[in-house]
Amino acid sequence: MIPVTKFNRSTVYVNATLVEQVESTPDTVITLVNGKKLIVRETVEEVLKRVEGYYRRVGLIAVQVQQNAEETDVSEQGI
């Protein structure tokens, strides 16, 4: 979960794995996979950093980097 601030200054926690897109309209709008939209005070960059930080903490980014490295090793060996 990542914390974000709604415009009424309340903090809500969003499941980062449910974030489908983040856009600036110019307000920052987070769209979840279920279609729900949240307008938050953070910038797009701040939200993306929090989502990436969450993925790093749970090991999702490290897995992807490792898989990419393994695919490169295999393709370089001609397998």
C-alpha atoms as a PDB file:
ATOM      1  CA  MET A   1       0.000   0.000   0.000  1.00  0.00           C
ATOM      2  CA  ILE A   2       1.119   3.529  -0.723  1.00  0.00           C
ATOM      3  CA  PRO A   3      -0.085   6.655   1.102  1.00  0.00           C
ATOM      4  CA  VAL A   4      -1.572   9.508  -0.949  1.00  0.00           C
ATOM      5  CA  THR A   5      -3.287  12.719   0.118  1.00  0.00           C
ATOM      6  CA  LYS A   6      -6.757  13.580  -1.095  1.00  0.00           C
ATOM      7  CA  PHE A   7      -7.660  17.227  -1.660  1.00  0.00           C
ATOM      8  CA  ASN A   8      -9.488  17.403   1.694  1.00  0.00           C
ATOM      9  CA  ARG A   9      -6.046  16.628   3.219  1.00  0.00           C
ATOM     10  CA  SER A  10      -7.029  13.145   4.379  1.00  0.00           C
ATOM     11  CA  THR A  11      -4.540  10.358   3.798  1.00  0.00           C
ATOM     12  CA  VAL A  12      -5.671   7.196   2.057  1.00  0.00           C
ATOM     13  CA  TYR A  13      -3.675   4.080   1.320  1.00  0.00           C
ATOM     14  CA  VAL A  14      -3.866   2.658  -2.189  1.00  0.00           C
ATOM     15  CA  ASN A  15      -2.932  -0.869  -3.172  1.00  0.00           C
ATOM     16  CA  ALA A  16      -0.083  -0.130  -5.586  1.00  0.00           C
ATOM     17  CA  THR A  17      -0.700  -3.315  -7.570  1.00  0.00           C
ATOM     18  CA  LEU A  18      -4.164  -2.009  -8.500  1.00  0.00           C
ATOM     19  CA  VAL A  19      -2.899   1.243 -10.053  1.00  0.00           C
ATOM     20  CA  GLU A  20      -3.606   1.165 -13.782  1.00  0.00           C
ATOM     21  CA  GLN A  21      -2.520   4.686 -14.676  1.00  0.00           C
ATOM     22  CA  VAL A  22      -1.491   8.016 -13.200  1.00  0.00           C
ATOM     23  CA  GLU A  23      -2.080  11.217 -15.130  1.00  0.00           C
ATOM     24  CA  SER A  24      -1.837  14.967 -14.705  1.00  0.00           C
ATOM     25  CA  THR A  25      -4.963  16.827 -15.844  1.00  0.00           C
ATOM     26  CA  PRO A  26      -3.479  19.229 -14.276  1.00  0.00           C
ATOM     27  CA  ASP A  27      -4.543  17.580 -10.993  1.00  0.00           C
ATOM     28  CA  THR A  28      -3.001  14.170 -10.404  1.00  0.00           C
ATOM     29  CA  VAL A  29      -5.547  11.438 -11.119  1.00  0.00           C
ATOM     30  CA  ILE A  30      -4.894   7.813 -10.157  1.00  0.00           C
ATOM     31  CA  THR A  31      -7.028   5.298 -12.041  1.00  0.00           C
ATOM     32  CA  LEU A  32      -7.330   1.834 -10.518  1.00  0.00           C
ATOM     33  CA  VAL A  33      -7.924  -1.377 -12.472  1.00  0.00           C
ATOM     34  CA  ASN A  34     -11.559  -1.399 -11.304  1.00  0.00           C
ATOM     35  CA  GLY A  35     -12.098   2.028 -12.936  1.00  0.00           C
ATOM     36  CA  LYS A  36     -12.204   4.004  -9.677  1.00  0.00           C
ATOM     37  CA  LYS A  37     -10.402   7.353  -9.887  1.00  0.00           C
ATOM     38  CA  LEU A  38      -8.692   9.248  -7.075  1.00  0.00           C
ATOM     39  CA  ILE A  39      -7.627  12.885  -7.311  1.00  0.00           C
ATOM     40  CA  VAL A  40      -4.610  13.472  -5.083  1.00  0.00           C
ATOM     41  CA  ARG A  41      -2.300  16.303  -4.036  1.00  0.00           C
ATOM     42  CA  GLU A  42       0.944  14.485  -4.923  1.00  0.00           C
ATOM     43  CA  THR A  43       2.527  14.992  -8.334  1.00  0.00           C
ATOM     44  CA  VAL A  44       2.603  12.195 -10.898  1.00  0.00           C
ATOM     45  CA  GLU A  45       6.317  11.787 -10.220  1.00  0.00           C
ATOM     46  CA  GLU A  46       5.733  11.408  -6.464  1.00  0.00           C
ATOM     47  CA  VAL A  47       3.053   8.765  -7.002  1.00  0.00           C
ATOM     48  CA  LEU A  48       5.243   6.849  -9.447  1.00  0.00           C
ATOM     49  CA  LYS A  49       8.167   6.908  -6.988  1.00  0.00           C
ATOM     50  CA  ARG A  50       5.922   5.503  -4.265  1.00  0.00           C
ATOM     51  CA  VAL A  51       4.604   2.758  -6.539  1.00  0.00           C
ATOM     52  CA  GLU A  52       8.151   1.872  -7.612  1.00  0.00           C
ATOM     53  CA  GLY A  53       9.285   1.903  -3.972  1.00  0.00           C
ATOM     54  CA  TYR A  54       6.459  -0.485  -3.098  1.00  0.00           C
ATOM     55  CA  TYR A  55       7.443  -2.828  -5.939  1.00  0.00           C
ATOM     56  CA  ARG A  56      11.060  -2.757  -4.741  1.00  0.00           C
ATOM     57  CA  ARG A  57      10.026  -3.522  -1.134  1.00  0.00           C
ATOM     58  CA  VAL A  58       7.991  -6.558  -2.165  1.00  0.00           C
ATOM     59  CA  GLY A  59      10.630  -7.701  -4.657  1.00  0.00           C
ATOM     60  CA  LEU A  60       8.688  -7.309  -7.915  1.00  0.00           C
ATOM     61  CA  ILE A  61      11.235  -5.035  -9.601  1.00  0.00           C
ATOM     62  CA  ALA A  62      14.191  -7.206  -8.584  1.00  0.00           C
ATOM     63  CA  VAL A  63      12.445 -10.247 -10.100  1.00  0.00           C
ATOM     64  CA  GLN A  64      11.925  -8.439 -13.418  1.00  0.00           C
ATOM     65  CA  VAL A  65      15.550  -7.257 -13.553  1.00  0.00           C
ATOM     66  CA  GLN A  66      16.742 -10.788 -12.767  1.00  0.00           C
ATOM     67  CA  GLN A  67      14.470 -12.287 -15.455  1.00  0.00           C
ATOM     68  CA  ASN A  68      15.741  -9.789 -18.038  1.00  0.00           C
ATOM     69  CA  ALA A  69      19.343 -10.658 -17.149  1.00  0.00           C
ATOM     70  CA  GLU A  70      18.618 -14.383 -17.475  1.00  0.00           C
ATOM     71  CA  GLU A  71      16.933 -13.879 -20.867  1.00  0.00           C
ATOM     72  CA  THR A  72      19.946 -11.894 -22.072  1.00  0.00           C
ATOM     73  CA  ASP A  73      22.325 -14.651 -20.902  1.00  0.00           C
ATOM     74  CA  VAL A  74      20.312 -17.302 -22.732  1.00  0.00           C
ATOM     75  CA  SER A  75      20.059 -15.303 -25.961  1.00  0.00           C
ATOM     76  CA  GLU A  76      23.807 -14.573 -25.919  1.00  0.00           C
ATOM     77  CA  GLN A  77      24.507 -18.295 -25.624  1.00  0.00           C
ATOM     78  CA  GLY A  78      22.418 -18.980 -28.704  1.00  0.00           C
ATOM     79  CA  ILE A  79      19.991 -21.229 -26.846  1.00  0.00           C
END
